[in-house]
């Protein structure tokens, strides 16, 4: 027997939205189905669910087992009620260095202007020399 989402879909979706909405006091939901496994169908129907638990026995729904599956599914991979010595404060650290230098637009424009000015002056000087050389050869 397949999960009848056309008949029960709106009620399931409403319950799911009430859990996801922050304004709602409901912060969890339990969806059950007896019979064939339709976990993938339900997971695709309830888009955004982070944990799907396929429980076949009482041991599968123990709080420790559920918290372990939630911890494995979370991005940060939190460890609940366990202290870790791995992240200890080792005191102040040296500041991070950088090679970034702020660009001063005015000085850049002046530098570019100077470069083009001297390139133009050199070109004019070269033209003047060629003109003098040509005149000397004609005379």
C-alpha atoms as a PDB file:
ATOM      1  CA  UNK A   1       0.000   0.000   0.000  1.00  0.00           C
ATOM      2  CA  UNK A   2       1.448   3.370  -1.011  1.00  0.00           C
ATOM      3  CA  UNK A   3       1.445   6.514   1.071  1.00  0.00           C
ATOM      4  CA  UNK A   4      -1.752   8.371   0.127  1.00  0.00           C
ATOM      5  CA  UNK A   5      -0.414  11.918  -0.146  1.00  0.00           C
ATOM      6  CA  UNK A   6      -3.343  13.151  -2.230  1.00  0.00           C
ATOM      7  CA  UNK A   7      -5.731  12.408   0.627  1.00  0.00           C
ATOM      8  CA  UNK A   8      -3.496  13.153   3.635  1.00  0.00           C
ATOM      9  CA  UNK A   9      -1.049  15.569   1.992  1.00  0.00           C
ATOM     10  CA  UNK A  10      -2.641  18.863   3.093  1.00  0.00           C
ATOM     11  CA  UNK A  11      -2.807  17.760   6.748  1.00  0.00           C
ATOM     12  CA  UNK A  12       0.805  16.537   6.674  1.00  0.00           C
ATOM     13  CA  UNK A  13       1.974  19.743   4.992  1.00  0.00           C
ATOM     14  CA  UNK A  14       0.109  21.894   7.538  1.00  0.00           C
ATOM     15  CA  UNK A  15       1.699  20.013  10.442  1.00  0.00           C
ATOM     16  CA  UNK A  16       5.131  20.375   8.859  1.00  0.00           C
ATOM     17  CA  UNK A  17       4.694  24.128   8.308  1.00  0.00           C
ATOM     18  CA  UNK A  18       3.606  24.575  11.937  1.00  0.00           C
ATOM     19  CA  UNK A  19       6.857  22.937  13.064  1.00  0.00           C
ATOM     20  CA  UNK A  20       9.042  24.991  10.717  1.00  0.00           C
ATOM     21  CA  UNK A  21       7.370  28.362  11.430  1.00  0.00           C
ATOM     22  CA  UNK A  22       9.162  30.202  14.226  1.00  0.00           C
ATOM     23  CA  UNK A  23       5.973  31.911  15.465  1.00  0.00           C
ATOM     24  CA  UNK A  24       4.305  28.574  16.180  1.00  0.00           C
ATOM     25  CA  UNK A  25       4.866  27.020  19.627  1.00  0.00           C
ATOM     26  CA  UNK A  26       5.077  23.573  17.996  1.00  0.00           C
ATOM     27  CA  UNK A  27       8.729  22.626  17.500  1.00  0.00           C
ATOM     28  CA  UNK A  28       8.559  18.949  16.536  1.00  0.00           C
ATOM     29  CA  UNK A  29       6.324  16.492  14.703  1.00  0.00           C
ATOM     30  CA  UNK A  30       6.037  12.739  14.561  1.00  0.00           C
ATOM     31  CA  UNK A  31       4.891  11.201  11.278  1.00  0.00           C
ATOM     32  CA  UNK A  32       4.242   7.476  11.276  1.00  0.00           C
ATOM     33  CA  UNK A  33       3.292   4.972   8.637  1.00  0.00           C
ATOM     34  CA  UNK A  34       2.807   1.266   9.075  1.00  0.00           C
ATOM     35  CA  UNK A  35       3.493  -1.047   6.223  1.00  0.00           C
ATOM     36  CA  UNK A  36       5.899  -0.676   3.324  1.00  0.00           C
ATOM     37  CA  UNK A  37       8.778   1.736   3.620  1.00  0.00           C
ATOM     38  CA  UNK A  38       7.922   5.088   2.059  1.00  0.00           C
ATOM     39  CA  UNK A  39      10.684   7.094   3.700  1.00  0.00           C
ATOM     40  CA  UNK A  40      11.964   8.564   0.435  1.00  0.00           C
ATOM     41  CA  UNK A  41       8.434   9.531  -0.657  1.00  0.00           C
ATOM     42  CA  UNK A  42       7.784  11.301   2.640  1.00  0.00           C
ATOM     43  CA  UNK A  43      11.225  12.942   2.639  1.00  0.00           C
ATOM     44  CA  UNK A  44      10.637  14.380  -0.841  1.00  0.00           C
ATOM     45  CA  UNK A  45       7.129  15.503   0.156  1.00  0.00           C
ATOM     46  CA  UNK A  46       8.393  17.310   3.267  1.00  0.00           C
ATOM     47  CA  UNK A  47      11.104  19.346   1.573  1.00  0.00           C
ATOM     48  CA  UNK A  48      13.580  20.891   3.988  1.00  0.00           C
ATOM     49  CA  UNK A  49      13.544  18.105   6.574  1.00  0.00           C
ATOM     50  CA  UNK A  50      17.076  17.585   7.822  1.00  0.00           C
ATOM     51  CA  UNK A  51      16.694  14.208   9.500  1.00  0.00           C
ATOM     52  CA  UNK A  52      14.705  11.178   8.428  1.00  0.00           C
ATOM     53  CA  UNK A  53      14.622   8.248  10.832  1.00  0.00           C
ATOM     54  CA  UNK A  54      13.423   4.865   9.681  1.00  0.00           C
ATOM     55  CA  UNK A  55      12.550   3.150  12.971  1.00  0.00           C
ATOM     56  CA  UNK A  56      11.808  -0.562  13.002  1.00  0.00           C
ATOM     57  CA  UNK A  57      12.115  -1.174  16.741  1.00  0.00           C
ATOM     58  CA  UNK A  58      11.886   0.644  20.087  1.00  0.00           C
ATOM     59  CA  UNK A  59      15.678   1.010  20.191  1.00  0.00           C
ATOM     60  CA  UNK A  60      15.599   3.124  17.013  1.00  0.00           C
ATOM     61  CA  UNK A  61      13.586   5.857  18.731  1.00  0.00           C
ATOM     62  CA  UNK A  62      15.632   6.155  21.912  1.00  0.00           C
ATOM     63  CA  UNK A  63      16.558   9.812  22.602  1.00  0.00           C
ATOM     64  CA  UNK A  64      20.283   9.037  22.411  1.00  0.00           C
ATOM     65  CA  UNK A  65      19.864   7.375  19.013  1.00  0.00           C
ATOM     66  CA  UNK A  66      17.795  10.269  17.665  1.00  0.00           C
ATOM     67  CA  UNK A  67      20.251  12.881  19.012  1.00  0.00           C
ATOM     68  CA  UNK A  68      23.126  10.979  17.385  1.00  0.00           C
ATOM     69  CA  UNK A  69      21.357  11.041  14.010  1.00  0.00           C
ATOM     70  CA  UNK A  70      20.525  14.747  14.401  1.00  0.00           C
ATOM     71  CA  UNK A  71      24.144  15.513  15.305  1.00  0.00           C
ATOM     72  CA  UNK A  72      25.402  13.638  12.236  1.00  0.00           C
ATOM     73  CA  UNK A  73      22.931  15.484   9.996  1.00  0.00           C
ATOM     74  CA  UNK A  74      23.760  18.982  11.216  1.00  0.00           C
ATOM     75  CA  UNK A  75      26.311  21.024   9.308  1.00  0.00           C
ATOM     76  CA  UNK A  76      28.276  21.989  12.388  1.00  0.00           C
ATOM     77  CA  UNK A  77      28.200  18.426  13.735  1.00  0.00           C
ATOM     78  CA  UNK A  78      27.579  19.479  17.330  1.00  0.00           C
ATOM     79  CA  UNK A  79      28.266  17.131  20.212  1.00  0.00           C
ATOM     80  CA  UNK A  80      25.509  17.343  22.801  1.00  0.00           C
ATOM     81  CA  UNK A  81      26.515  17.505  26.486  1.00  0.00           C
ATOM     82  CA  UNK A  82      30.105  16.568  25.800  1.00  0.00           C
ATOM     83  CA  UNK A  83      33.052  18.799  26.595  1.00  0.00           C
ATOM     84  CA  UNK A  84      35.928  18.672  24.177  1.00  0.00           C
ATOM     85  CA  UNK A  85      39.485  19.647  25.017  1.00  0.00           C
ATOM     86  CA  UNK A  86      40.210  20.157  21.345  1.00  0.00           C
ATOM     87  CA  UNK A  87      39.128  23.811  21.293  1.00  0.00           C
ATOM     88  CA  UNK A  88      40.888  25.480  24.179  1.00  0.00           C
ATOM     89  CA  UNK A  89      41.740  29.148  24.460  1.00  0.00           C
ATOM     90  CA  UNK A  90      45.485  29.440  23.927  1.00  0.00           C
ATOM     91  CA  UNK A  91      45.644  33.176  24.611  1.00  0.00           C
ATOM     92  CA  UNK A  92      46.006  36.163  22.334  1.00  0.00           C
ATOM     93  CA  UNK A  93      47.448  35.622  18.908  1.00  0.00           C
ATOM     94  CA  UNK A  94      49.430  37.951  16.689  1.00  0.00           C
ATOM     95  CA  UNK A  95      47.441  40.037  14.226  1.00  0.00           C
ATOM     96  CA  UNK A  96      47.148  38.788  10.701  1.00  0.00           C
ATOM     97  CA  UNK A  97      49.366  40.679   8.256  1.00  0.00           C
ATOM     98  CA  UNK A  98      48.390  42.022   4.873  1.00  0.00           C
ATOM     99  CA  UNK A  99      50.121  43.381   1.790  1.00  0.00           C
ATOM    100  CA  UNK A 100      47.119  45.430   0.735  1.00  0.00           C
ATOM    101  CA  UNK A 101      47.810  49.071  -0.024  1.00  0.00           C
ATOM    102  CA  UNK A 102      45.017  51.524  -0.551  1.00  0.00           C
ATOM    103  CA  UNK A 103      45.063  53.119  -3.986  1.00  0.00           C
ATOM    104  CA  UNK A 104      45.094  56.900  -3.985  1.00  0.00           C
ATOM    105  CA  UNK A 105      43.173  57.895  -7.104  1.00  0.00           C
ATOM    106  CA  UNK A 106      44.562  61.443  -7.245  1.00  0.00           C
ATOM    107  CA  UNK A 107      48.184  60.314  -7.151  1.00  0.00           C
ATOM    108  CA  UNK A 108      47.444  57.586  -9.736  1.00  0.00           C
ATOM    109  CA  UNK A 109      45.928  60.146 -12.089  1.00  0.00           C
ATOM    110  CA  UNK A 110      48.888  62.485 -11.578  1.00  0.00           C
ATOM    111  CA  UNK A 111      51.362  59.652 -12.224  1.00  0.00           C
ATOM    112  CA  UNK A 112      49.552  58.584 -15.389  1.00  0.00           C
ATOM    113  CA  UNK A 113      49.399  62.216 -16.492  1.00  0.00           C
ATOM    114  CA  UNK A 114      53.136  62.635 -15.915  1.00  0.00           C
ATOM    115  CA  UNK A 115      53.908  59.476 -17.882  1.00  0.00           C
ATOM    116  CA  UNK A 116      51.827  60.599 -20.853  1.00  0.00           C
ATOM    117  CA  UNK A 117      53.298  64.116 -20.670  1.00  0.00           C
ATOM    118  CA  UNK A 118      56.882  62.817 -20.846  1.00  0.00           C
ATOM    119  CA  UNK A 119      56.021  60.340 -23.604  1.00  0.00           C
ATOM    120  CA  UNK A 120      54.508  63.198 -25.606  1.00  0.00           C
ATOM    121  CA  UNK A 121      57.560  65.419 -24.935  1.00  0.00           C
ATOM    122  CA  UNK A 122      59.951  62.684 -26.084  1.00  0.00           C
ATOM    123  CA  UNK A 123      57.909  62.149 -29.250  1.00  0.00           C
ATOM    124  CA  UNK A 124      57.973  65.886 -30.000  1.00  0.00           C
ATOM    125  CA  UNK A 125      61.740  66.012 -29.376  1.00  0.00           C
ATOM    126  CA  UNK A 126      62.278  63.087 -31.757  1.00  0.00           C
ATOM    127  CA  UNK A 127      60.165  64.792 -34.437  1.00  0.00           C
ATOM    128  CA  UNK A 128      62.126  68.034 -33.961  1.00  0.00           C
ATOM    129  CA  UNK A 129      65.474  66.214 -34.392  1.00  0.00           C
ATOM    130  CA  UNK A 130      64.255  64.452 -37.537  1.00  0.00           C
ATOM    131  CA  UNK A 131      63.037  67.775 -38.949  1.00  0.00           C
ATOM    132  CA  UNK A 132      66.417  69.455 -38.233  1.00  0.00           C
ATOM    133  CA  UNK A 133      68.271  66.531 -39.793  1.00  0.00           C
ATOM    134  CA  UNK A 134      66.074  66.742 -42.903  1.00  0.00           C
ATOM    135  CA  UNK A 135      66.685  70.508 -43.219  1.00  0.00           C
ATOM    136  CA  UNK A 136      70.445  70.033 -42.849  1.00  0.00           C
ATOM    137  CA  UNK A 137      70.469  67.457 -45.651  1.00  0.00           C
ATOM    138  CA  UNK A 138      68.491  69.758 -47.959  1.00  0.00           C
ATOM    139  CA  UNK A 139      70.779  72.729 -47.479  1.00  0.00           C
END
